[in-house]
Amino acid sequence: MSSIGISAITFALVFGGALLGTFVGARLPKHHFNGDTKDVVRLGMGLVGTIVAIALGLLIGSAYSYFNNQTNEWYMHRPTWRSWADSCDTTGRRQTGPMKHCEWALSVFW
């Protein structure tokens, strides 16, 4: 399913829930609108907001940690490849025999 389709379904569900709440709220008895009930709803919404904030923080922290691990791994291996490539031909001439793989590796990586 495309992102546009998911967005449309999410919008329809949220909008439908708001309309349903409006119609049900008009039919509720008056004792459901006192101060205690409003405080309970306010506390519930605060709890939901806090849980969502924690979940988003963990998600962002996980993505940031993954990105840093990938970046550090790339930087860690980069000097190793460079020093290996520099050691392949220190005399300025082509290698033969067992060091012939260095020539192939340099043609692939550089």
Protein backbone atom coordinates (compact mmCIF):
# COMPACT_ATOMS: atom_id res chain seq x y z
CA MET A 1 0.00 0.00 0.00
CA SER A 2 1.33 3.43 -0.86
CA SER A 3 2.01 6.19 1.62
CA ILE A 4 -0.84 8.25 0.16
CA GLY A 5 -3.29 5.40 0.80
CA ILE A 6 -2.11 4.95 4.38
CA SER A 7 -2.38 8.70 4.95
CA ALA A 8 -5.91 8.77 3.55
CA ILE A 9 -7.02 5.86 5.76
CA THR A 10 -5.46 7.48 8.83
CA PHE A 11 -7.14 10.81 8.08
CA ALA A 12 -10.52 9.11 7.56
CA LEU A 13 -10.26 7.21 10.86
CA VAL A 14 -9.20 10.26 12.88
CA PHE A 15 -11.87 12.48 11.28
CA GLY A 16 -14.51 9.78 11.76
CA GLY A 17 -13.53 9.43 15.43
CA ALA A 18 -13.83 13.19 15.92
CA LEU A 19 -17.31 13.20 14.32
CA LEU A 20 -18.40 10.21 16.40
CA GLY A 21 -17.17 11.95 19.55
CA THR A 22 -19.12 15.07 18.66
CA PHE A 23 -22.37 13.15 18.12
CA VAL A 24 -21.96 10.95 21.21
CA GLY A 25 -20.96 13.94 23.36
CA ALA A 26 -24.20 15.72 22.50
CA ARG A 27 -26.23 12.72 23.75
CA LEU A 28 -24.38 12.13 27.03
CA PRO A 29 -26.08 13.01 30.32
CA LYS A 30 -25.02 16.22 32.05
CA HIS A 31 -23.29 14.48 34.98
CA HIS A 32 -20.58 13.26 32.53
CA PHE A 33 -19.49 16.87 32.00
CA ASN A 34 -18.58 17.75 35.59
CA GLY A 35 -15.06 18.74 36.68
CA ASP A 36 -14.01 15.30 37.92
CA THR A 37 -14.73 13.67 34.58
CA LYS A 38 -12.81 16.36 32.72
CA ASP A 39 -9.84 15.85 35.04
CA VAL A 40 -9.85 12.09 34.41
CA VAL A 41 -9.95 12.64 30.64
CA ARG A 42 -7.16 15.22 30.91
CA LEU A 43 -4.99 12.81 32.93
CA GLY A 44 -5.66 10.00 30.45
CA MET A 45 -4.66 12.16 27.51
CA GLY A 46 -1.52 13.24 29.38
CA LEU A 47 -0.61 9.59 29.90
CA VAL A 48 -1.17 8.78 26.22
CA GLY A 49 0.93 11.78 25.19
CA THR A 50 3.74 10.73 27.52
CA ILE A 51 3.78 7.16 26.20
CA VAL A 52 3.84 8.43 22.60
CA ALA A 53 6.74 10.77 23.42
CA ILE A 54 8.71 7.91 25.00
CA ALA A 55 8.08 5.66 21.99
CA LEU A 56 9.16 8.36 19.52
CA GLY A 57 12.25 9.11 21.59
CA LEU A 58 13.23 5.43 21.57
CA LEU A 59 12.62 5.22 17.82
CA ILE A 60 14.76 8.28 17.09
CA GLY A 61 17.47 7.08 19.48
CA SER A 62 17.57 3.69 17.79
CA ALA A 63 17.86 5.23 14.31
CA TYR A 64 20.60 7.59 15.51
CA SER A 65 22.53 4.72 17.10
CA TYR A 66 22.27 2.65 13.91
CA PHE A 67 23.48 5.57 11.79
CA ASN A 68 26.44 6.19 14.11
CA ASN A 69 27.40 2.51 14.08
CA GLN A 70 27.35 2.42 10.28
CA THR A 71 29.37 5.64 10.03
CA ASN A 72 31.94 4.50 12.58
CA GLU A 73 32.32 1.14 10.88
CA TRP A 74 32.94 2.84 7.56
CA TYR A 75 35.54 5.19 9.06
CA MET A 76 37.15 2.31 10.94
CA HIS A 77 37.66 0.21 7.79
CA ARG A 78 38.65 3.03 5.48
CA PRO A 79 42.23 3.49 6.78
CA THR A 80 42.71 -0.28 6.82
CA TRP A 81 41.92 -0.55 3.12
CA ARG A 82 44.08 2.46 2.33
CA SER A 83 47.12 1.18 4.23
CA TRP A 84 46.68 -2.26 2.64
CA ALA A 85 46.55 -0.72 -0.82
CA ASP A 86 49.61 1.42 -0.14
CA SER A 87 51.58 -1.64 0.95
CA CYS A 88 50.84 -3.48 -2.30
CA ASP A 89 53.32 -1.62 -4.41
CA THR A 90 56.00 0.28 -2.54
CA THR A 91 58.62 0.09 -5.30
CA GLY A 92 56.58 1.67 -8.08
CA ARG A 93 56.60 -1.44 -10.27
CA ARG A 94 53.97 -4.09 -10.97
CA GLN A 95 53.70 -6.98 -8.57
CA THR A 96 53.89 -10.59 -9.74
CA GLY A 97 53.25 -13.91 -8.07
CA PRO A 98 51.46 -13.94 -4.72
CA MET A 99 51.05 -10.14 -4.64
CA LYS A 100 49.20 -10.09 -7.96
CA HIS A 101 45.88 -9.93 -6.08
CA CYS A 102 46.83 -6.41 -4.96
CA GLU A 103 46.71 -5.21 -8.54
CA TRP A 104 43.24 -6.68 -8.98
CA ALA A 105 42.02 -5.21 -5.68
CA LEU A 106 43.30 -1.76 -6.59
CA SER A 107 41.52 -1.92 -9.94
CA VAL A 108 38.26 -2.85 -8.20
CA PHE A 109 38.38 -0.39 -5.29
CA TRP A 110 40.12 2.56 -6.93
